[in-house]
C-alpha atoms as a PDB file:
ATOM      1  CA  UNK A   1       0.000   0.000   0.000  1.00  0.00           C
ATOM      2  CA  UNK A   2       2.886   2.339   0.797  1.00  0.00           C
ATOM      3  CA  UNK A   3       4.305   1.836  -2.715  1.00  0.00           C
ATOM      4  CA  UNK A   4       0.919   2.605  -4.272  1.00  0.00           C
ATOM      5  CA  UNK A   5       0.672   5.740  -2.137  1.00  0.00           C
ATOM      6  CA  UNK A   6       4.052   6.840  -3.495  1.00  0.00           C
ATOM      7  CA  UNK A   7       2.824   6.288  -7.061  1.00  0.00           C
ATOM      8  CA  UNK A   8      -0.261   8.382  -6.306  1.00  0.00           C
ATOM      9  CA  UNK A   9       1.828  11.149  -4.713  1.00  0.00           C
ATOM     10  CA  UNK A  10       4.194  11.223  -7.697  1.00  0.00           C
ATOM     11  CA  UNK A  11       1.221  11.338 -10.078  1.00  0.00           C
ATOM     12  CA  UNK A  12      -0.303  14.283  -8.200  1.00  0.00           C
ATOM     13  CA  UNK A  13       3.064  16.066  -8.217  1.00  0.00           C
ATOM     14  CA  UNK A  14       3.525  15.529 -11.953  1.00  0.00           C
ATOM     15  CA  UNK A  15       0.036  16.670 -12.938  1.00  0.00           C
ATOM     16  CA  UNK A  16      -0.315  19.375 -10.305  1.00  0.00           C
ATOM     17  CA  UNK A  17       3.031  21.014 -11.056  1.00  0.00           C
ATOM     18  CA  UNK A  18       2.130  21.117 -14.731  1.00  0.00           C
ATOM     19  CA  UNK A  19      -1.167  22.901 -14.057  1.00  0.00           C
ATOM     20  CA  UNK A  20       0.271  25.309 -11.481  1.00  0.00           C
ATOM     21  CA  UNK A  21       3.255  26.311 -13.609  1.00  0.00           C
ATOM     22  CA  UNK A  22       1.253  26.517 -16.838  1.00  0.00           C
ATOM     23  CA  UNK A  23      -1.500  28.724 -15.433  1.00  0.00           C
ATOM     24  CA  UNK A  24      -1.485  30.687 -12.127  1.00  0.00           C
ATOM     25  CA  UNK A  25       2.307  30.865 -11.693  1.00  0.00           C
ATOM     26  CA  UNK A  26       3.360  31.335 -15.299  1.00  0.00           C
ATOM     27  CA  UNK A  27       3.062  35.132 -15.540  1.00  0.00           C
ATOM     28  CA  UNK A  28       4.641  35.893 -12.145  1.00  0.00           C
ATOM     29  CA  UNK A  29       7.562  33.599 -12.888  1.00  0.00           C
ATOM     30  CA  UNK A  30       8.044  35.026 -16.386  1.00  0.00           C
ATOM     31  CA  UNK A  31       8.088  38.548 -14.915  1.00  0.00           C
ATOM     32  CA  UNK A  32      10.686  37.460 -12.371  1.00  0.00           C
ATOM     33  CA  UNK A  33      13.097  35.382 -14.478  1.00  0.00           C
ATOM     34  CA  UNK A  34      11.994  35.850 -18.082  1.00  0.00           C
ATOM     35  CA  UNK A  35      10.498  33.455 -20.631  1.00  0.00           C
ATOM     36  CA  UNK A  36      13.701  31.475 -21.079  1.00  0.00           C
ATOM     37  CA  UNK A  37      14.114  31.091 -17.332  1.00  0.00           C
ATOM     38  CA  UNK A  38      10.527  29.920 -17.052  1.00  0.00           C
ATOM     39  CA  UNK A  39      11.009  27.303 -19.769  1.00  0.00           C
ATOM     40  CA  UNK A  40      14.118  25.972 -18.004  1.00  0.00           C
ATOM     41  CA  UNK A  41      12.322  25.836 -14.647  1.00  0.00           C
ATOM     42  CA  UNK A  42       9.299  24.157 -16.241  1.00  0.00           C
ATOM     43  CA  UNK A  43      11.484  21.519 -17.909  1.00  0.00           C
ATOM     44  CA  UNK A  44      13.398  20.806 -14.698  1.00  0.00           C
ATOM     45  CA  UNK A  45      10.209  20.366 -12.664  1.00  0.00           C
ATOM     46  CA  UNK A  46       8.569  18.260 -15.385  1.00  0.00           C
ATOM     47  CA  UNK A  47      11.541  15.900 -15.707  1.00  0.00           C
ATOM     48  CA  UNK A  48      11.988  15.672 -11.946  1.00  0.00           C
ATOM     49  CA  UNK A  49       8.364  14.772 -11.247  1.00  0.00           C
ATOM     50  CA  UNK A  50       8.214  12.433 -14.251  1.00  0.00           C
ATOM     51  CA  UNK A  51      11.372  10.700 -13.031  1.00  0.00           C
ATOM     52  CA  UNK A  52       9.859  10.308  -9.575  1.00  0.00           C
ATOM     53  CA  UNK A  53       6.714   8.837 -11.118  1.00  0.00           C
ATOM     54  CA  UNK A  54       8.733   6.445 -13.291  1.00  0.00           C
ATOM     55  CA  UNK A  55      10.793   5.048 -10.420  1.00  0.00           C
ATOM     56  CA  UNK A  56       7.805   4.914  -8.069  1.00  0.00           C
ATOM     57  CA  UNK A  57       5.860   2.928 -10.672  1.00  0.00           C
ATOM     58  CA  UNK A  58       8.706   0.488 -11.187  1.00  0.00           C
ATOM     59  CA  UNK A  59       9.181  -0.030  -7.459  1.00  0.00           C
ATOM     60  CA  UNK A  60       5.509  -0.694  -6.753  1.00  0.00           C
ATOM     61  CA  UNK A  61       4.301  -4.311  -6.943  1.00  0.00           C
ATOM     62  CA  UNK A  62       2.331  -5.214 -10.050  1.00  0.00           C
ATOM     63  CA  UNK A  63      -0.787  -6.169  -8.110  1.00  0.00           C
ATOM     64  CA  UNK A  64      -3.718  -8.294  -9.160  1.00  0.00           C
ATOM     65  CA  UNK A  65      -5.953  -7.204 -12.085  1.00  0.00           C
ATOM     66  CA  UNK A  66      -9.273  -5.825 -10.890  1.00  0.00           C
ATOM     67  CA  UNK A  67     -11.240  -7.499 -13.715  1.00  0.00           C
ATOM     68  CA  UNK A  68     -10.643 -10.210 -16.325  1.00  0.00           C
ATOM     69  CA  UNK A  69      -9.325  -9.089 -19.707  1.00  0.00           C
ATOM     70  CA  UNK A  70     -10.365 -11.222 -22.675  1.00  0.00           C
ATOM     71  CA  UNK A  71      -9.839 -10.990 -26.412  1.00  0.00           C
ATOM     72  CA  UNK A  72     -12.933  -8.835 -26.851  1.00  0.00           C
ATOM     73  CA  UNK A  73     -11.507  -6.089 -24.636  1.00  0.00           C
ATOM     74  CA  UNK A  74      -8.109  -6.453 -26.286  1.00  0.00           C
ATOM     75  CA  UNK A  75      -9.716  -6.101 -29.724  1.00  0.00           C
ATOM     76  CA  UNK A  76     -11.610  -2.954 -28.723  1.00  0.00           C
ATOM     77  CA  UNK A  77      -8.511  -1.384 -27.174  1.00  0.00           C
ATOM     78  CA  UNK A  78      -6.493  -2.227 -30.294  1.00  0.00           C
ATOM     79  CA  UNK A  79      -8.951  -0.372 -32.548  1.00  0.00           C
ATOM     80  CA  UNK A  80      -9.204   2.597 -30.203  1.00  0.00           C
ATOM     81  CA  UNK A  81      -5.409   2.856 -30.092  1.00  0.00           C
ATOM     82  CA  UNK A  82      -5.292   2.919 -33.899  1.00  0.00           C
ATOM     83  CA  UNK A  83      -7.746   5.827 -33.795  1.00  0.00           C
ATOM     84  CA  UNK A  84      -5.652   7.528 -31.099  1.00  0.00           C
ATOM     85  CA  UNK A  85      -2.501   7.089 -33.206  1.00  0.00           C
ATOM     86  CA  UNK A  86      -4.177   8.790 -36.167  1.00  0.00           C
ATOM     87  CA  UNK A  87      -5.262  11.655 -33.895  1.00  0.00           C
ATOM     88  CA  UNK A  88      -1.723  12.010 -32.575  1.00  0.00           C
ATOM     89  CA  UNK A  89       0.019  12.060 -35.948  1.00  0.00           C
ATOM     90  CA  UNK A  90      -2.623  14.320 -37.471  1.00  0.00           C
ATOM     91  CA  UNK A  91      -2.155  16.815 -34.640  1.00  0.00           C
ATOM     92  CA  UNK A  92       1.480  17.430 -35.587  1.00  0.00           C
ATOM     93  CA  UNK A  93       0.650  19.445 -38.718  1.00  0.00           C
ATOM     94  CA  UNK A  94      -1.164  22.821 -38.750  1.00  0.00           C
ATOM     95  CA  UNK A  95      -2.324  22.518 -35.157  1.00  0.00           C
ATOM     96  CA  UNK A  96      -3.589  25.885 -33.852  1.00  0.00           C
ATOM     97  CA  UNK A  97      -3.100  24.706 -30.258  1.00  0.00           C
ATOM     98  CA  UNK A  98       0.667  24.299 -30.610  1.00  0.00           C
ATOM     99  CA  UNK A  99       3.010  27.251 -29.901  1.00  0.00           C
ATOM    100  CA  UNK A 100       3.048  29.377 -33.044  1.00  0.00           C
ATOM    101  CA  UNK A 101       0.353  27.149 -34.549  1.00  0.00           C
ATOM    102  CA  UNK A 102      -1.347  27.971 -37.822  1.00  0.00           C
ATOM    103  CA  UNK A 103      -4.601  29.923 -37.792  1.00  0.00           C
ATOM    104  CA  UNK A 104      -6.718  27.820 -40.094  1.00  0.00           C
ATOM    105  CA  UNK A 105     -10.123  28.808 -41.473  1.00  0.00           C
ATOM    106  CA  UNK A 106     -11.669  25.349 -41.760  1.00  0.00           C
ATOM    107  CA  UNK A 107     -11.505  22.360 -39.446  1.00  0.00           C
ATOM    108  CA  UNK A 108     -10.178  19.500 -41.553  1.00  0.00           C
ATOM    109  CA  UNK A 109      -8.801  16.056 -40.832  1.00  0.00           C
ATOM    110  CA  UNK A 110      -8.390  15.272 -37.156  1.00  0.00           C
ATOM    111  CA  UNK A 111      -9.408  18.818 -36.207  1.00  0.00           C
ATOM    112  CA  UNK A 112     -12.890  18.158 -37.564  1.00  0.00           C
ATOM    113  CA  UNK A 113     -13.082  15.376 -34.968  1.00  0.00           C
ATOM    114  CA  UNK A 114     -11.775  17.443 -32.045  1.00  0.00           C
ATOM    115  CA  UNK A 115      -9.766  20.630 -31.674  1.00  0.00           C
ATOM    116  CA  UNK A 116      -7.524  18.782 -29.183  1.00  0.00           C
ATOM    117  CA  UNK A 117      -6.500  15.642 -31.115  1.00  0.00           C
ATOM    118  CA  UNK A 118      -3.129  15.298 -29.392  1.00  0.00           C
ATOM    119  CA  UNK A 119      -4.615  15.496 -25.905  1.00  0.00           C
ATOM    120  CA  UNK A 120      -7.410  13.068 -26.765  1.00  0.00           C
ATOM    121  CA  UNK A 121      -4.789  10.659 -28.132  1.00  0.00           C
ATOM    122  CA  UNK A 122      -3.103  10.673 -24.717  1.00  0.00           C
ATOM    123  CA  UNK A 123      -6.438  10.330 -22.906  1.00  0.00           C
ATOM    124  CA  UNK A 124      -7.494   7.397 -25.076  1.00  0.00           C
ATOM    125  CA  UNK A 125      -4.117   5.790 -24.390  1.00  0.00           C
ATOM    126  CA  UNK A 126      -4.914   6.083 -20.700  1.00  0.00           C
ATOM    127  CA  UNK A 127      -8.418   4.617 -21.041  1.00  0.00           C
ATOM    128  CA  UNK A 128      -7.146   1.692 -23.139  1.00  0.00           C
ATOM    129  CA  UNK A 129      -4.341   0.853 -20.747  1.00  0.00           C
ATOM    130  CA  UNK A 130      -6.720   0.907 -17.801  1.00  0.00           C
ATOM    131  CA  UNK A 131      -9.037  -1.456 -19.674  1.00  0.00           C
ATOM    132  CA  UNK A 132      -6.399  -4.035 -20.611  1.00  0.00           C
ATOM    133  CA  UNK A 133      -4.041  -3.753 -17.622  1.00  0.00           C
ATOM    134  CA  UNK A 134      -6.325  -2.998 -14.669  1.00  0.00           C
ATOM    135  CA  UNK A 135      -3.813  -3.166 -11.827  1.00  0.00           C
ATOM    136  CA  UNK A 136      -3.973  -0.532  -9.069  1.00  0.00           C
ATOM    137  CA  UNK A 137      -0.691   1.205  -9.850  1.00  0.00           C
ATOM    138  CA  UNK A 138      -1.412   1.288 -13.579  1.00  0.00           C
ATOM    139  CA  UNK A 139      -4.878   2.736 -13.028  1.00  0.00           C
ATOM    140  CA  UNK A 140      -3.391   5.526 -10.885  1.00  0.00           C
ATOM    141  CA  UNK A 141      -0.837   6.508 -13.532  1.00  0.00           C
ATOM    142  CA  UNK A 142      -3.302   6.264 -16.422  1.00  0.00           C
ATOM    143  CA  UNK A 143      -5.836   8.390 -14.554  1.00  0.00           C
ATOM    144  CA  UNK A 144      -3.115  11.004 -14.080  1.00  0.00           C
ATOM    145  CA  UNK A 145      -2.465  11.016 -17.837  1.00  0.00           C
ATOM    146  CA  UNK A 146      -6.196  11.328 -18.572  1.00  0.00           C
ATOM    147  CA  UNK A 147      -6.640  14.231 -16.139  1.00  0.00           C
ATOM    148  CA  UNK A 148      -3.556  16.002 -17.472  1.00  0.00           C
ATOM    149  CA  UNK A 149      -4.767  15.634 -21.055  1.00  0.00           C
ATOM    150  CA  UNK A 150      -8.455  16.516 -20.704  1.00  0.00           C
ATOM    151  CA  UNK A 151      -8.364  19.073 -17.894  1.00  0.00           C
ATOM    152  CA  UNK A 152      -5.310  20.587 -19.543  1.00  0.00           C
ATOM    153  CA  UNK A 153      -7.225  20.901 -22.811  1.00  0.00           C
ATOM    154  CA  UNK A 154     -10.134  22.652 -21.093  1.00  0.00           C
ATOM    155  CA  UNK A 155      -7.752  25.073 -19.372  1.00  0.00           C
ATOM    156  CA  UNK A 156      -6.003  25.672 -22.690  1.00  0.00           C
ATOM    157  CA  UNK A 157      -9.317  26.643 -24.269  1.00  0.00           C
ATOM    158  CA  UNK A 158      -9.834  29.329 -21.649  1.00  0.00           C
ATOM    159  CA  UNK A 159      -6.237  30.515 -21.910  1.00  0.00           C
ATOM    160  CA  UNK A 160      -6.254  30.632 -25.716  1.00  0.00           C
ATOM    161  CA  UNK A 161      -9.582  32.485 -25.758  1.00  0.00           C
ATOM    162  CA  UNK A 162      -8.020  35.251 -23.670  1.00  0.00           C
ATOM    163  CA  UNK A 163      -4.725  35.303 -25.586  1.00  0.00           C
ATOM    164  CA  UNK A 164      -6.250  35.057 -29.096  1.00  0.00           C
ATOM    165  CA  UNK A 165      -9.682  36.722 -28.898  1.00  0.00           C
ATOM    166  CA  UNK A 166      -9.681  37.291 -32.669  1.00  0.00           C
ATOM    167  CA  UNK A 167      -9.241  33.585 -33.447  1.00  0.00           C
ATOM    168  CA  UNK A 168      -9.803  31.049 -30.678  1.00  0.00           C
ATOM    169  CA  UNK A 169     -13.484  31.781 -29.878  1.00  0.00           C
ATOM    170  CA  UNK A 170     -14.320  31.340 -33.576  1.00  0.00           C
ATOM    171  CA  UNK A 171     -12.203  28.185 -33.696  1.00  0.00           C
ATOM    172  CA  UNK A 172     -14.125  26.823 -30.728  1.00  0.00           C
ATOM    173  CA  UNK A 173     -17.428  27.396 -32.521  1.00  0.00           C
ATOM    174  CA  UNK A 174     -16.209  25.494 -35.591  1.00  0.00           C
ATOM    175  CA  UNK A 175     -14.803  22.573 -33.626  1.00  0.00           C
ATOM    176  CA  UNK A 176     -15.585  20.532 -30.522  1.00  0.00           C
ATOM    177  CA  UNK A 177     -13.874  19.468 -27.343  1.00  0.00           C
ATOM    178  CA  UNK A 178     -15.407  15.980 -27.389  1.00  0.00           C
ATOM    179  CA  UNK A 179     -14.620  13.832 -30.444  1.00  0.00           C
ATOM    180  CA  UNK A 180     -17.219  13.961 -33.237  1.00  0.00           C
ATOM    181  CA  UNK A 181     -19.499  16.429 -31.371  1.00  0.00           C
ATOM    182  CA  UNK A 182     -18.929  19.172 -33.973  1.00  0.00           C
ATOM    183  CA  UNK A 183     -19.572  16.689 -36.790  1.00  0.00           C
ATOM    184  CA  UNK A 184     -22.831  15.585 -35.173  1.00  0.00           C
ATOM    185  CA  UNK A 185     -23.862  19.224 -34.724  1.00  0.00           C
ATOM    186  CA  UNK A 186     -23.032  20.069 -38.342  1.00  0.00           C
ATOM    187  CA  UNK A 187     -20.255  22.517 -37.449  1.00  0.00           C
ATOM    188  CA  UNK A 188     -17.545  20.494 -39.193  1.00  0.00           C
ATOM    189  CA  UNK A 189     -17.325  17.760 -41.813  1.00  0.00           C
ATOM    190  CA  UNK A 190     -15.088  14.718 -41.910  1.00  0.00           C
ATOM    191  CA  UNK A 191     -12.453  14.701 -44.628  1.00  0.00           C
ATOM    192  CA  UNK A 192      -9.065  16.071 -45.519  1.00  0.00           C
ATOM    193  CA  UNK A 193      -7.016  13.488 -43.646  1.00  0.00           C
ATOM    194  CA  UNK A 194      -3.461  13.717 -44.924  1.00  0.00           C
ATOM    195  CA  UNK A 195      -1.019  10.842 -45.278  1.00  0.00           C
ATOM    196  CA  UNK A 196       0.798  12.107 -42.196  1.00  0.00           C
ATOM    197  CA  UNK A 197      -2.343  11.292 -40.187  1.00  0.00           C
ATOM    198  CA  UNK A 198      -3.474   8.027 -41.795  1.00  0.00           C
ATOM    199  CA  UNK A 199      -0.191   6.435 -42.843  1.00  0.00           C
ATOM    200  CA  UNK A 200       1.745   7.969 -39.970  1.00  0.00           C
ATOM    201  CA  UNK A 201      -0.911   6.810 -37.522  1.00  0.00           C
ATOM    202  CA  UNK A 202      -0.793   3.235 -38.796  1.00  0.00           C
ATOM    203  CA  UNK A 203       3.014   3.163 -38.664  1.00  0.00           C
ATOM    204  CA  UNK A 204       3.231   4.526 -35.120  1.00  0.00           C
ATOM    205  CA  UNK A 205       0.418   2.180 -34.021  1.00  0.00           C
ATOM    206  CA  UNK A 206       2.223  -0.873 -35.413  1.00  0.00           C
ATOM    207  CA  UNK A 207       5.585   0.216 -34.006  1.00  0.00           C
ATOM    208  CA  UNK A 208       4.290   1.135 -30.546  1.00  0.00           C
ATOM    209  CA  UNK A 209       2.248  -2.037 -30.105  1.00  0.00           C
ATOM    210  CA  UNK A 210       5.164  -4.190 -31.307  1.00  0.00           C
ATOM    211  CA  UNK A 211       7.457  -2.420 -28.813  1.00  0.00           C
ATOM    212  CA  UNK A 212       5.429  -3.925 -25.973  1.00  0.00           C
ATOM    213  CA  UNK A 213       7.078  -7.269 -26.733  1.00  0.00           C
ATOM    214  CA  UNK A 214      10.707  -6.308 -25.913  1.00  0.00           C
ATOM    215  CA  UNK A 215       9.751  -3.678 -23.310  1.00  0.00           C
ATOM    216  CA  UNK A 216       7.126  -5.513 -21.286  1.00  0.00           C
ATOM    217  CA  UNK A 217       7.445  -9.122 -22.391  1.00  0.00           C
ATOM    218  CA  UNK A 218       3.907  -9.479 -23.742  1.00  0.00           C
ATOM    219  CA  UNK A 219       2.414  -8.612 -27.131  1.00  0.00           C
ATOM    220  CA  UNK A 220      -0.127  -5.859 -27.671  1.00  0.00           C
ATOM    221  CA  UNK A 221      -2.331  -4.788 -30.553  1.00  0.00           C
ATOM    222  CA  UNK A 222      -2.521  -7.041 -33.577  1.00  0.00           C
ATOM    223  CA  UNK A 223       0.697  -8.756 -32.469  1.00  0.00           C
ATOM    224  CA  UNK A 224      -1.398 -10.746 -29.982  1.00  0.00           C
ATOM    225  CA  UNK A 225      -2.990 -12.523 -32.930  1.00  0.00           C
ATOM    226  CA  UNK A 226       0.042 -12.888 -35.193  1.00  0.00           C
END
C-alpha cells in the first residue's frame, strides 16, 4: 500500500506542477526570471516529477488485475489505439493549439473530430491501458495522464480564448472538445485526412504495439494474434 501511495503522490506532483506552472504561476515567474528562465524551470520540474513517477511505478508491486481481460476487450482497445494514433500524428501538422500554430479557417482532418487531437490521443491511451491492464498502480498513472490531457485541454481553451480573442473563440465554434461532437452538430465535416495522419498513424500504431514485446514481455495490438 505504501508503494501505491508513493505512485499516487508522484502522479499528483507531476500533474499538479504542470497545471500550477502553466496557469497561475506562469506570468509571475516570467516577470521574475523571463520566458527562457521559465522554460528551463518548467522543464526541470517536469523531468523531476516524471522521473519520480517512473521510479515509483517500477518499485511498486504489479498487483492483481481488478477485472478479467479477454480478447474482446483487447480487440476494442487495439482499434481505439489505432484511432488515437491517427489523432496524434494528425495533430502534428497545422495545429492551432501548438506554440506558433497555424490559424486555419476550416476544421479538416483530425481537427474536424476534435480541436484537441493530441490530448485526446493521450487520454485514449490512458483509457485503453486501464481497460487491458487494470492493476492498481497502472490505473493511478493512467488516470493522471487522462486528467492532465483533458483538464489541460479545457484550461487551454480558456487561456487561448483570452490570448487570441480574434481567433480562438471562432475556432471553438467550428470545432468541438469531445470527439465527433462538432460533426454531429453540423459545425464540421469529416475529410481532408493527410497521409501524415493516416499512414503515420498506422506506422506509429504498429511500431508502438510491437514495442510492448521487448519492453514488457507481452504482445499488444494485432501482435497478440500474429
